[in-house]
PDB file of N, CA and C in Angstrom:
ATOM      1  N   MET A   1     131.813  96.440 220.564  1.00  0.00           N
ATOM      2  CA  MET A   1     131.951  95.555 219.636  1.00  0.00           C
ATOM      3  C   MET A   1     133.303  95.812 218.456  1.00  0.00           C
ATOM      4  N   PHE A   2     133.195  94.448 217.271  1.00  0.00           N
ATOM      5  CA  PHE A   2     134.186  95.066 216.372  1.00  0.00           C
ATOM      6  C   PHE A   2     133.213  94.620 214.837  1.00  0.00           C
ATOM      7  N   ILE A   3     134.102  94.865 214.534  1.00  0.00           N
ATOM      8  CA  ILE A   3     133.270  95.248 213.161  1.00  0.00           C
ATOM      9  C   ILE A   3     134.187  95.113 211.731  1.00  0.00           C
ATOM     10  N   PHE A   4     134.293  93.909 211.171  1.00  0.00           N
ATOM     11  CA  PHE A   4     135.506  93.694 210.611  1.00  0.00           C
ATOM     12  C   PHE A   4     135.475  94.160 208.929  1.00  0.00           C
ATOM     13  N   HIS A   5     135.702  95.146 208.239  1.00  0.00           N
ATOM     14  CA  HIS A   5     135.487  95.433 206.477  1.00  0.00           C
ATOM     15  C   HIS A   5     135.278  93.734 206.380  1.00  0.00           C
ATOM     16  N   LYS A   6     135.449  93.068 205.829  1.00  0.00           N
ATOM     17  CA  LYS A   6     135.204  91.578 205.162  1.00  0.00           C
ATOM     18  C   LYS A   6     133.484  91.488 205.222  1.00  0.00           C
ATOM     19  N   GLU A   7     132.817  91.409 206.623  1.00  0.00           N
ATOM     20  CA  GLU A   7     131.702  91.526 206.725  1.00  0.00           C
ATOM     21  C   GLU A   7     131.089  92.966 206.367  1.00  0.00           C
ATOM     22  N   THR A   8     131.001  93.126 205.643  1.00  0.00           N
ATOM     23  CA  THR A   8     130.317  94.806 205.275  1.00  0.00           C
ATOM     24  C   THR A   8     130.400  94.761 204.025  1.00  0.00           C
ATOM     25  N   THR A   9     129.444  95.208 203.715  1.00  0.00           N
ATOM     26  CA  THR A   9     128.790  94.783 202.452  1.00  0.00           C
ATOM     27  C   THR A   9     129.029  96.514 201.569  1.00  0.00           C
ATOM     28  N   LEU A  10     129.246  96.234 201.204  1.00  0.00           N
ATOM     29  CA  LEU A  10     129.520  97.537 199.654  1.00  0.00           C
ATOM     30  C   LEU A  10     127.987  97.562 198.784  1.00  0.00           C
ATOM     31  N   ASP A  11     127.299  98.886 198.818  1.00  0.00           N
ATOM     32  CA  ASP A  11     126.658  99.361 198.177  1.00  0.00           C
ATOM     33  C   ASP A  11     126.394  99.953 197.142  1.00  0.00           C
ATOM     34  N   ASP A  12     125.995  99.814 195.975  1.00  0.00           N
ATOM     35  CA  ASP A  12     126.250 100.477 194.915  1.00  0.00           C
ATOM     36  C   ASP A  12     124.995 101.526 194.731  1.00  0.00           C
ATOM     37  N   LEU A  13     125.497 102.747 194.700  1.00  0.00           N
ATOM     38  CA  LEU A  13     123.762 103.664 194.746  1.00  0.00           C
ATOM     39  C   LEU A  13     123.619 104.070 193.320  1.00  0.00           C
ATOM     40  N   GLY A  14     124.836 104.021 192.315  1.00  0.00           N
ATOM     41  CA  GLY A  14     125.041 104.265 190.878  1.00  0.00           C
ATOM     42  C   GLY A  14     125.438 105.661 190.863  1.00  0.00           C
ATOM     43  N   ASN A  15     125.527 106.642 189.814  1.00  0.00           N
ATOM     44  CA  ASN A  15     126.086 107.285 189.520  1.00  0.00           C
ATOM     45  C   ASN A  15     127.228 107.605 190.242  1.00  0.00           C
ATOM     46  N   GLY A  16     128.030 106.366 190.073  1.00  0.00           N
ATOM     47  CA  GLY A  16     129.624 106.367 190.751  1.00  0.00           C
ATOM     48  C   GLY A  16     129.784 106.752 192.709  1.00  0.00           C
ATOM     49  N   VAL A  17     129.092 106.690 192.744  1.00  0.00           N
ATOM     50  CA  VAL A  17     128.693 106.691 194.522  1.00  0.00           C
ATOM     51  C   VAL A  17     128.533 104.974 195.316  1.00  0.00           C
ATOM     52  N   THR A  18     129.523 104.763 195.558  1.00  0.00           N
ATOM     53  CA  THR A  18     128.697 103.373 196.778  1.00  0.00           C
ATOM     54  C   THR A  18     128.922 103.556 198.531  1.00  0.00           C
ATOM     55  N   ARG A  19     128.987 102.966 198.760  1.00  0.00           N
ATOM     56  CA  ARG A  19     128.265 103.341 200.532  1.00  0.00           C
ATOM     57  C   ARG A  19     127.962 101.952 201.565  1.00  0.00           C
ATOM     58  N   ARG A  20     129.376 101.947 202.000  1.00  0.00           N
ATOM     59  CA  ARG A  20     129.212 100.510 202.969  1.00  0.00           C
ATOM     60  C   ARG A  20     128.685 101.304 204.418  1.00  0.00           C
ATOM     61  N   ILE A  21     127.735 100.229 205.305  1.00  0.00           N
ATOM     62  CA  ILE A  21     128.406 100.257 206.824  1.00  0.00           C
ATOM     63  C   ILE A  21     128.616 100.004 207.477  1.00  0.00           C
ATOM     64  N   LEU A  22     129.722 100.828 208.020  1.00  0.00           N
ATOM     65  CA  LEU A  22     130.728 100.135 208.826  1.00  0.00           C
ATOM     66  C   LEU A  22     130.416  99.939 210.869  1.00  0.00           C
ATOM     67  N   ALA A  23     129.380 100.416 210.766  1.00  0.00           N
ATOM     68  CA  ALA A  23     128.823  99.763 212.071  1.00  0.00           C
ATOM     69  C   ALA A  23     127.834 101.024 213.058  1.00  0.00           C
ATOM     70  N   HIS A  24     127.089 100.322 213.179  1.00  0.00           N
ATOM     71  CA  HIS A  24     125.823 100.757 213.981  1.00  0.00           C
ATOM     72  C   HIS A  24     124.943 100.166 215.683  1.00  0.00           C
ATOM     73  N   ASP A  25     124.425 101.307 216.655  1.00  0.00           N
ATOM     74  CA  ASP A  25     123.687 100.267 217.469  1.00  0.00           C
ATOM     75  C   ASP A  25     122.294 101.357 217.449  1.00  0.00           C
ATOM     76  N   GLY A  26     121.424 101.408 218.609  1.00  0.00           N
ATOM     77  CA  GLY A  26     120.791 102.360 218.251  1.00  0.00           C
ATOM     78  C   GLY A  26     120.603 103.963 218.024  1.00  0.00           C
ATOM     79  N   ASN A  27     121.807 104.572 218.580  1.00  0.00           N
ATOM     80  CA  ASN A  27     122.375 105.535 218.856  1.00  0.00           C
ATOM     81  C   ASN A  27     122.982 106.387 217.185  1.00  0.00           C
ATOM     82  N   MET A  28     123.716 105.475 216.956  1.00  0.00           N
ATOM     83  CA  MET A  28     124.795 106.538 215.805  1.00  0.00           C
ATOM     84  C   MET A  28     125.115 104.953 214.774  1.00  0.00           C
ATOM     85  N   MET A  29     126.038 105.850 213.784  1.00  0.00           N
ATOM     86  CA  MET A  29     125.723 104.738 212.382  1.00  0.00           C
ATOM     87  C   MET A  29     126.977 105.613 212.622  1.00  0.00           C
ATOM     88  N   ALA A  30     127.869 104.845 211.610  1.00  0.00           N
ATOM     89  CA  ALA A  30     129.101 104.972 211.107  1.00  0.00           C
ATOM     90  C   ALA A  30     129.287 104.545 209.272  1.00  0.00           C
ATOM     91  N   VAL A  31     129.900 105.472 208.058  1.00  0.00           N
ATOM     92  CA  VAL A  31     129.080 105.198 206.707  1.00  0.00           C
ATOM     93  C   VAL A  31     130.617 105.424 205.962  1.00  0.00           C
ATOM     94  N   GLU A  32     130.422 104.280 205.443  1.00  0.00           N
ATOM     95  CA  GLU A  32     131.580 104.804 203.636  1.00  0.00           C
ATOM     96  C   GLU A  32     131.047 104.560 202.991  1.00  0.00           C
ATOM     97  N   VAL A  33     131.818 106.404 202.265  1.00  0.00           N
ATOM     98  CA  VAL A  33     130.786 107.065 201.479  1.00  0.00           C
ATOM     99  C   VAL A  33     132.272 107.213 199.790  1.00  0.00           C
ATOM    100  N   ASN A  34     132.377 106.224 199.193  1.00  0.00           N
ATOM    101  CA  ASN A  34     133.130 106.607 197.737  1.00  0.00           C
ATOM    102  C   ASN A  34     132.280 107.023 196.938  1.00  0.00           C
ATOM    103  N   PHE A  35     133.149 108.281 195.982  1.00  0.00           N
ATOM    104  CA  PHE A  35     132.820 109.140 195.245  1.00  0.00           C
ATOM    105  C   PHE A  35     134.173 108.886 193.923  1.00  0.00           C
ATOM    106  N   GLU A  36     133.418 109.224 192.181  1.00  0.00           N
ATOM    107  CA  GLU A  36     134.010 109.025 191.744  1.00  0.00           C
ATOM    108  C   GLU A  36     133.992 110.347 191.378  1.00  0.00           C
ATOM    109  N   GLN A  37     135.577 111.013 190.469  1.00  0.00           N
ATOM    110  CA  GLN A  37     135.539 112.415 190.283  1.00  0.00           C
ATOM    111  C   GLN A  37     133.994 113.073 189.180  1.00  0.00           C
ATOM    112  N   GLY A  38     133.423 114.000 189.387  1.00  0.00           N
ATOM    113  CA  GLY A  38     132.255 113.759 188.719  1.00  0.00           C
ATOM    114  C   GLY A  38     130.761 113.664 189.648  1.00  0.00           C
ATOM    115  N   ALA A  39     131.366 112.492 190.806  1.00  0.00           N
ATOM    116  CA  ALA A  39     129.580 112.189 191.190  1.00  0.00           C
ATOM    117  C   ALA A  39     129.254 112.898 191.961  1.00  0.00           C
ATOM    118  N   ILE A  40     127.768 112.746 192.034  1.00  0.00           N
ATOM    119  CA  ILE A  40     127.565 114.584 192.645  1.00  0.00           C
ATOM    120  C   ILE A  40     126.395 113.572 194.362  1.00  0.00           C
ATOM    121  N   GLY A  41     126.841 114.729 195.612  1.00  0.00           N
ATOM    122  CA  GLY A  41     125.594 113.388 196.175  1.00  0.00           C
ATOM    123  C   GLY A  41     124.924 114.584 196.661  1.00  0.00           C
ATOM    124  N   PRO A  42     123.314 114.902 196.027  1.00  0.00           N
ATOM    125  CA  PRO A  42     122.138 116.168 195.307  1.00  0.00           C
ATOM    126  C   PRO A  42     122.055 116.160 196.726  1.00  0.00           C
ATOM    127  N   MET A  43     121.571 117.886 197.025  1.00  0.00           N
ATOM    128  CA  MET A  43     121.005 118.478 198.275  1.00  0.00           C
ATOM    129  C   MET A  43     120.205 118.046 198.452  1.00  0.00           C
ATOM    130  N   HIS A  44     120.312 117.453 199.815  1.00  0.00           N
ATOM    131  CA  HIS A  44     118.791 116.819 200.749  1.00  0.00           C
ATOM    132  C   HIS A  44     119.125 117.468 201.955  1.00  0.00           C
ATOM    133  N   ASN A  45     118.541 116.468 203.108  1.00  0.00           N
ATOM    134  CA  ASN A  45     118.135 117.151 204.399  1.00  0.00           C
ATOM    135  C   ASN A  45     117.711 115.822 205.093  1.00  0.00           C
ATOM    136  N   HIS A  46     118.108 115.784 206.459  1.00  0.00           N
ATOM    137  CA  HIS A  46     117.536 114.874 207.382  1.00  0.00           C
ATOM    138  C   HIS A  46     117.753 115.228 208.873  1.00  0.00           C
ATOM    139  N   PRO A  47     116.519 114.590 209.226  1.00  0.00           N
ATOM    140  CA  PRO A  47     116.509 115.107 211.266  1.00  0.00           C
ATOM    141  C   PRO A  47     118.172 114.354 211.983  1.00  0.00           C
ATOM    142  N   HIS A  48     118.804 113.958 210.921  1.00  0.00           N
ATOM    143  CA  HIS A  48     120.050 113.790 211.813  1.00  0.00           C
ATOM    144  C   HIS A  48     120.515 114.217 211.784  1.00  0.00           C
ATOM    145  N   GLU A  49     121.745 114.594 213.067  1.00  0.00           N
ATOM    146  CA  GLU A  49     122.741 115.148 213.061  1.00  0.00           C
ATOM    147  C   GLU A  49     123.544 114.281 212.392  1.00  0.00           C
ATOM    148  N   GLN A  50     124.815 114.845 211.754  1.00  0.00           N
ATOM    149  CA  GLN A  50     126.260 114.227 210.789  1.00  0.00           C
ATOM    150  C   GLN A  50     127.608 115.047 210.784  1.00  0.00           C
ATOM    151  N   LEU A  51     128.217 114.523 211.171  1.00  0.00           N
ATOM    152  CA  LEU A  51     129.706 114.730 210.982  1.00  0.00           C
ATOM    153  C   LEU A  51     130.083 113.688 209.571  1.00  0.00           C
ATOM    154  N   THR A  52     131.129 114.599 208.858  1.00  0.00           N
ATOM    155  CA  THR A  52     132.072 114.060 207.798  1.00  0.00           C
ATOM    156  C   THR A  52     133.509 114.429 207.797  1.00  0.00           C
ATOM    157  N   TYR A  53     134.221 113.196 207.830  1.00  0.00           N
ATOM    158  CA  TYR A  53     135.744 113.452 207.420  1.00  0.00           C
ATOM    159  C   TYR A  53     135.588 112.988 206.625  1.00  0.00           C
ATOM    160  N   VAL A  54     136.721 113.774 206.042  1.00  0.00           N
ATOM    161  CA  VAL A  54     137.731 113.583 204.355  1.00  0.00           C
ATOM    162  C   VAL A  54     138.451 112.489 204.285  1.00  0.00           C
ATOM    163  N   LEU A  55     138.352 111.320 204.043  1.00  0.00           N
ATOM    164  CA  LEU A  55     139.633 110.595 203.971  1.00  0.00           C
ATOM    165  C   LEU A  55     140.577 110.774 202.906  1.00  0.00           C
ATOM    166  N   SER A  56     139.984 110.942 202.134  1.00  0.00           N
ATOM    167  CA  SER A  56     140.331 111.137 200.497  1.00  0.00           C
ATOM    168  C   SER A  56     139.727 111.638 199.560  1.00  0.00           C
ATOM    169  N   GLY A  57     140.717 112.272 198.516  1.00  0.00           N
ATOM    170  CA  GLY A  57     139.971 113.094 197.942  1.00  0.00           C
ATOM    171  C   GLY A  57     139.966 114.626 197.626  1.00  0.00           C
ATOM    172  N   GLU A  58     138.711 115.310 197.048  1.00  0.00           N
ATOM    173  CA  GLU A  58     138.013 116.427 196.905  1.00  0.00           C
ATOM    174  C   GLU A  58     137.050 117.120 196.602  1.00  0.00           C
ATOM    175  N   PHE A  59     136.215 117.758 197.195  1.00  0.00           N
ATOM    176  CA  PHE A  59     134.768 117.510 197.277  1.00  0.00           C
ATOM    177  C   PHE A  59     134.504 119.512 197.614  1.00  0.00           C
ATOM    178  N   GLU A  60     133.020 119.501 196.700  1.00  0.00           N
ATOM    179  CA  GLU A  60     133.299 120.674 196.918  1.00  0.00           C
ATOM    180  C   GLU A  60     131.633 120.664 197.619  1.00  0.00           C
ATOM    181  N   PHE A  61     131.502 120.864 198.799  1.00  0.00           N
ATOM    182  CA  PHE A  61     130.887 120.991 199.689  1.00  0.00           C
ATOM    183  C   PHE A  61     129.271 122.132 199.702  1.00  0.00           C
ATOM    184  N   THR A  62     128.382 122.188 200.120  1.00  0.00           N
ATOM    185  CA  THR A  62     127.585 123.574 200.205  1.00  0.00           C
ATOM    186  C   THR A  62     126.731 122.509 201.643  1.00  0.00           C
ATOM    187  N   ILE A  63     126.876 123.419 202.657  1.00  0.00           N
ATOM    188  CA  ILE A  63     125.354 123.725 203.747  1.00  0.00           C
ATOM    189  C   ILE A  63     125.489 124.888 203.791  1.00  0.00           C
ATOM    190  N   GLY A  64     123.712 124.237 203.392  1.00  0.00           N
ATOM    191  CA  GLY A  64     122.785 125.469 204.118  1.00  0.00           C
ATOM    192  C   GLY A  64     123.222 126.774 202.511  1.00  0.00           C
ATOM    193  N   GLU A  65     123.774 127.476 203.262  1.00  0.00           N
ATOM    194  CA  GLU A  65     124.396 128.595 202.427  1.00  0.00           C
ATOM    195  C   GLU A  65     125.573 128.993 201.593  1.00  0.00           C
ATOM    196  N   GLU A  66     126.612 128.040 202.930  1.00  0.00           N
ATOM    197  CA  GLU A  66     127.940 128.279 202.621  1.00  0.00           C
ATOM    198  C   GLU A  66     128.387 126.577 201.391  1.00  0.00           C
ATOM    199  N   LYS A  67     129.525 127.431 200.591  1.00  0.00           N
ATOM    200  CA  LYS A  67     130.443 126.137 200.217  1.00  0.00           C
ATOM    201  C   LYS A  67     131.228 126.442 199.573  1.00  0.00           C
ATOM    202  N   HIS A  68     132.204 125.205 200.410  1.00  0.00           N
ATOM    203  CA  HIS A  68     133.815 125.356 200.040  1.00  0.00           C
ATOM    204  C   HIS A  68     134.353 124.250 199.681  1.00  0.00           C
ATOM    205  N   VAL A  69     135.712 124.183 199.518  1.00  0.00           N
ATOM    206  CA  VAL A  69     136.320 123.432 199.045  1.00  0.00           C
ATOM    207  C   VAL A  69     136.757 122.257 199.844  1.00  0.00           C
ATOM    208  N   VAL A  70     136.497 121.002 200.321  1.00  0.00           N
ATOM    209  CA  VAL A  70     137.454 120.384 201.516  1.00  0.00           C
ATOM    210  C   VAL A  70     138.263 119.242 201.087  1.00  0.00           C
ATOM    211  N   ARG A  71     138.720 118.738 201.838  1.00  0.00           N
ATOM    212  CA  ARG A  71     140.064 117.832 201.429  1.00  0.00           C
ATOM    213  C   ARG A  71     140.418 116.855 202.335  1.00  0.00           C
ATOM    214  N   ALA A  72     141.408 116.303 202.057  1.00  0.00           N
ATOM    215  CA  ALA A  72     141.752 114.697 203.129  1.00  0.00           C
ATOM    216  C   ALA A  72     142.082 115.543 204.424  1.00  0.00           C
ATOM    217  N   GLY A  73     141.783 115.101 205.658  1.00  0.00           N
ATOM    218  CA  GLY A  73     141.723 115.853 206.481  1.00  0.00           C
ATOM    219  C   GLY A  73     140.947 116.768 207.268  1.00  0.00           C
ATOM    220  N   ASP A  74     139.547 117.399 206.499  1.00  0.00           N
ATOM    221  CA  ASP A  74     138.981 118.489 207.225  1.00  0.00           C
ATOM    222  C   ASP A  74     137.698 118.093 207.358  1.00  0.00           C
ATOM    223  N   THR A  75     136.694 118.307 208.039  1.00  0.00           N
ATOM    224  CA  THR A  75     135.226 117.704 208.823  1.00  0.00           C
ATOM    225  C   THR A  75     134.812 118.751 209.090  1.00  0.00           C
ATOM    226  N   LEU A  76     133.153 118.204 208.272  1.00  0.00           N
ATOM    227  CA  LEU A  76     132.446 118.819 207.823  1.00  0.00           C
ATOM    228  C   LEU A  76     130.905 118.821 209.707  1.00  0.00           C
ATOM    229  N   TYR A  77     130.391 119.536 209.490  1.00  0.00           N
ATOM    230  CA  TYR A  77     128.995 118.905 211.319  1.00  0.00           C
ATOM    231  C   TYR A  77     128.218 119.765 209.939  1.00  0.00           C
ATOM    232  N   LYS A  78     126.856 118.492 210.117  1.00  0.00           N
ATOM    233  CA  LYS A  78     126.044 119.138 209.346  1.00  0.00           C
ATOM    234  C   LYS A  78     124.157 119.105 210.632  1.00  0.00           C
ATOM    235  N   GLN A  79     124.375 120.233 211.220  1.00  0.00           N
ATOM    236  CA  GLN A  79     122.680 120.205 211.723  1.00  0.00           C
ATOM    237  C   GLN A  79     121.944 119.411 211.210  1.00  0.00           C
ATOM    238  N   PRO A  80     120.921 119.083 212.583  1.00  0.00           N
ATOM    239  CA  PRO A  80     119.859 118.577 211.244  1.00  0.00           C
ATOM    240  C   PRO A  80     118.964 119.602 210.737  1.00  0.00           C
ATOM    241  N   ASN A  81     118.357 118.875 209.742  1.00  0.00           N
ATOM    242  CA  ASN A  81     117.606 118.916 208.368  1.00  0.00           C
ATOM    243  C   ASN A  81     117.918 120.390 207.796  1.00  0.00           C
ATOM    244  N   ILE A  82     119.291 120.715 208.183  1.00  0.00           N
ATOM    245  CA  ILE A  82     119.622 121.844 206.768  1.00  0.00           C
ATOM    246  C   ILE A  82     120.123 121.198 205.750  1.00  0.00           C
ATOM    247  N   MET A  83     120.263 121.794 204.497  1.00  0.00           N
ATOM    248  CA  MET A  83     120.021 121.474 202.650  1.00  0.00           C
ATOM    249  C   MET A  83     121.646 121.499 202.993  1.00  0.00           C
ATOM    250  N   HIS A  84     122.142 119.763 202.072  1.00  0.00           N
ATOM    251  CA  HIS A  84     123.793 119.781 202.072  1.00  0.00           C
ATOM    252  C   HIS A  84     123.578 119.401 201.119  1.00  0.00           C
ATOM    253  N   GLY A  85     124.527 119.222 200.492  1.00  0.00           N
ATOM    254  CA  GLY A  85     125.031 118.372 199.471  1.00  0.00           C
ATOM    255  C   GLY A  85     126.477 118.500 198.972  1.00  0.00           C
ATOM    256  N   CYS A  86     127.193 117.748 198.193  1.00  0.00           N
ATOM    257  CA  CYS A  86     128.404 118.056 197.475  1.00  0.00           C
ATOM    258  C   CYS A  86     129.004 117.214 195.942  1.00  0.00           C
ATOM    259  N   VAL A  87     129.476 117.704 195.651  1.00  0.00           N
ATOM    260  CA  VAL A  87     129.996 117.445 193.748  1.00  0.00           C
ATOM    261  C   VAL A  87     131.782 117.195 194.156  1.00  0.00           C
ATOM    262  N   CYS A  88     131.980 115.916 193.502  1.00  0.00           N
ATOM    263  CA  CYS A  88     133.444 115.458 193.920  1.00  0.00           C
ATOM    264  C   CYS A  88     134.378 115.691 193.139  1.00  0.00           C
ATOM    265  N   LEU A  89     135.262 116.769 193.090  1.00  0.00           N
ATOM    266  CA  LEU A  89     136.512 116.746 192.450  1.00  0.00           C
ATOM    267  C   LEU A  89     137.236 115.975 192.277  1.00  0.00           C
ATOM    268  N   LYS A  90     137.726 115.495 192.965  1.00  0.00           N
ATOM    269  CA  LYS A  90     138.973 114.100 192.632  1.00  0.00           C
ATOM    270  C   LYS A  90     138.043 113.400 193.562  1.00  0.00           C
ATOM    271  N   PRO A  91     138.587 112.048 192.842  1.00  0.00           N
ATOM    272  CA  PRO A  91     137.865 110.582 193.941  1.00  0.00           C
ATOM    273  C   PRO A  91     138.277 110.263 194.944  1.00  0.00           C
ATOM    274  N   GLY A  92     137.609 110.015 195.367  1.00  0.00           N
ATOM    275  CA  GLY A  92     138.014 110.059 197.130  1.00  0.00           C
ATOM    276  C   GLY A  92     136.565 109.565 198.142  1.00  0.00           C
ATOM    277  N   THR A  93     136.920 109.440 199.355  1.00  0.00           N
ATOM    278  CA  THR A  93     136.225 109.015 200.600  1.00  0.00           C
ATOM    279  C   THR A  93     135.691 109.307 201.575  1.00  0.00           C
ATOM    280  N   LEU A  94     134.925 109.977 202.335  1.00  0.00           N
ATOM    281  CA  LEU A  94     133.998 110.421 202.910  1.00  0.00           C
ATOM    282  C   LEU A  94     133.418 108.742 204.068  1.00  0.00           C
ATOM    283  N   LEU A  95     133.677 109.524 205.626  1.00  0.00           N
ATOM    284  CA  LEU A  95     133.450 108.594 206.402  1.00  0.00           C
ATOM    285  C   LEU A  95     132.034 109.765 207.433  1.00  0.00           C
ATOM    286  N   ASP A  96     131.075 109.355 206.984  1.00  0.00           N
ATOM    287  CA  ASP A  96     129.957 109.588 207.811  1.00  0.00           C
ATOM    288  C   ASP A  96     129.630 109.611 209.094  1.00  0.00           C
ATOM    289  N   THR A  97     128.832 110.163 209.968  1.00  0.00           N
ATOM    290  CA  THR A  97     128.598 109.465 211.375  1.00  0.00           C
ATOM    291  C   THR A  97     127.399 110.114 211.476  1.00  0.00           C
ATOM    292  N   PHE A  98     126.355 109.508 211.675  1.00  0.00           N
ATOM    293  CA  PHE A  98     124.911 109.957 211.774  1.00  0.00           C
ATOM    294  C   PHE A  98     124.556 110.012 213.367  1.00  0.00           C
ATOM    295  N   THR A  99     123.707 110.639 214.377  1.00  0.00           N
ATOM    296  CA  THR A  99     123.038 110.256 215.032  1.00  0.00           C
ATOM    297  C   THR A  99     121.590 110.817 215.036  1.00  0.00           C
ATOM    298  N   PRO A 100     120.674 110.103 214.801  1.00  0.00           N
ATOM    299  CA  PRO A 100     120.968 108.593 215.189  1.00  0.00           C
ATOM    300  C   PRO A 100     120.920 108.404 214.370  1.00  0.00           C
ATOM    301  N   ILE A 101     120.672 106.878 214.496  1.00  0.00           N
ATOM    302  CA  ILE A 101     121.340 105.781 213.615  1.00  0.00           C
ATOM    303  C   ILE A 101     120.272 106.152 212.072  1.00  0.00           C
ATOM    304  N   ARG A 102     120.748 105.928 210.843  1.00  0.00           N
ATOM    305  CA  ARG A 102     120.183 106.163 208.935  1.00  0.00           C
ATOM    306  C   ARG A 102     119.092 105.223 209.331  1.00  0.00           C
ATOM    307  N   GLU A 103     118.028 104.305 209.612  1.00  0.00           N
ATOM    308  CA  GLU A 103     117.050 103.451 209.824  1.00  0.00           C
ATOM    309  C   GLU A 103     116.811 102.996 208.472  1.00  0.00           C
ATOM    310  N   ASP A 104     116.428 103.940 207.656  1.00  0.00           N
ATOM    311  CA  ASP A 104     116.318 104.505 205.430  1.00  0.00           C
ATOM    312  C   ASP A 104     117.726 103.879 205.617  1.00  0.00           C
ATOM    313  N   PHE A 105     119.074 103.799 205.740  1.00  0.00           N
ATOM    314  CA  PHE A 105     119.863 103.256 205.217  1.00  0.00           C
ATOM    315  C   PHE A 105     120.492 101.342 205.210  1.00  0.00           C
ATOM    316  N   LEU A 106     118.988 100.696 206.330  1.00  0.00           N
ATOM    317  CA  LEU A 106     119.325  99.746 206.513  1.00  0.00           C
ATOM    318  C   LEU A 106     118.533  99.029 206.051  1.00  0.00           C
ATOM    319  N   HIS A 107     117.247 100.003 206.319  1.00  0.00           N
ATOM    320  CA  HIS A 107     115.991  99.280 205.034  1.00  0.00           C
ATOM    321  C   HIS A 107     115.744  99.480 204.097  1.00  0.00           C
ATOM    322  N   GLY A 108     116.891 100.185 203.148  1.00  0.00           N
ATOM    323  CA  GLY A 108     115.835 101.546 202.098  1.00  0.00           C
ATOM    324  C   GLY A 108     116.674 100.511 201.189  1.00  0.00           C
TER     325      GLY A 108
END
């Protein structure tokens, strides 16, 4: 399967955050999330496993009880149902991978 950037849609989530679903099948989904400085990814949890790769920028992430500043090249793993969220310290982009796919992103 090939997915071309020009064929994807950028969704404005408000408050300085945009999301682009890059690819998905029945088991896995890749999503680009862009943050303006100061934008917040509110604390939340979900039943999906999630890997986040920091493409650019700087973020303060909280996963469970841990809090760290991450930058381009850093990777985070979030196990199912763990509370997590972030604050964008410098404008940046994250690449999120979920399994199983986030049906709520497709139909929300």
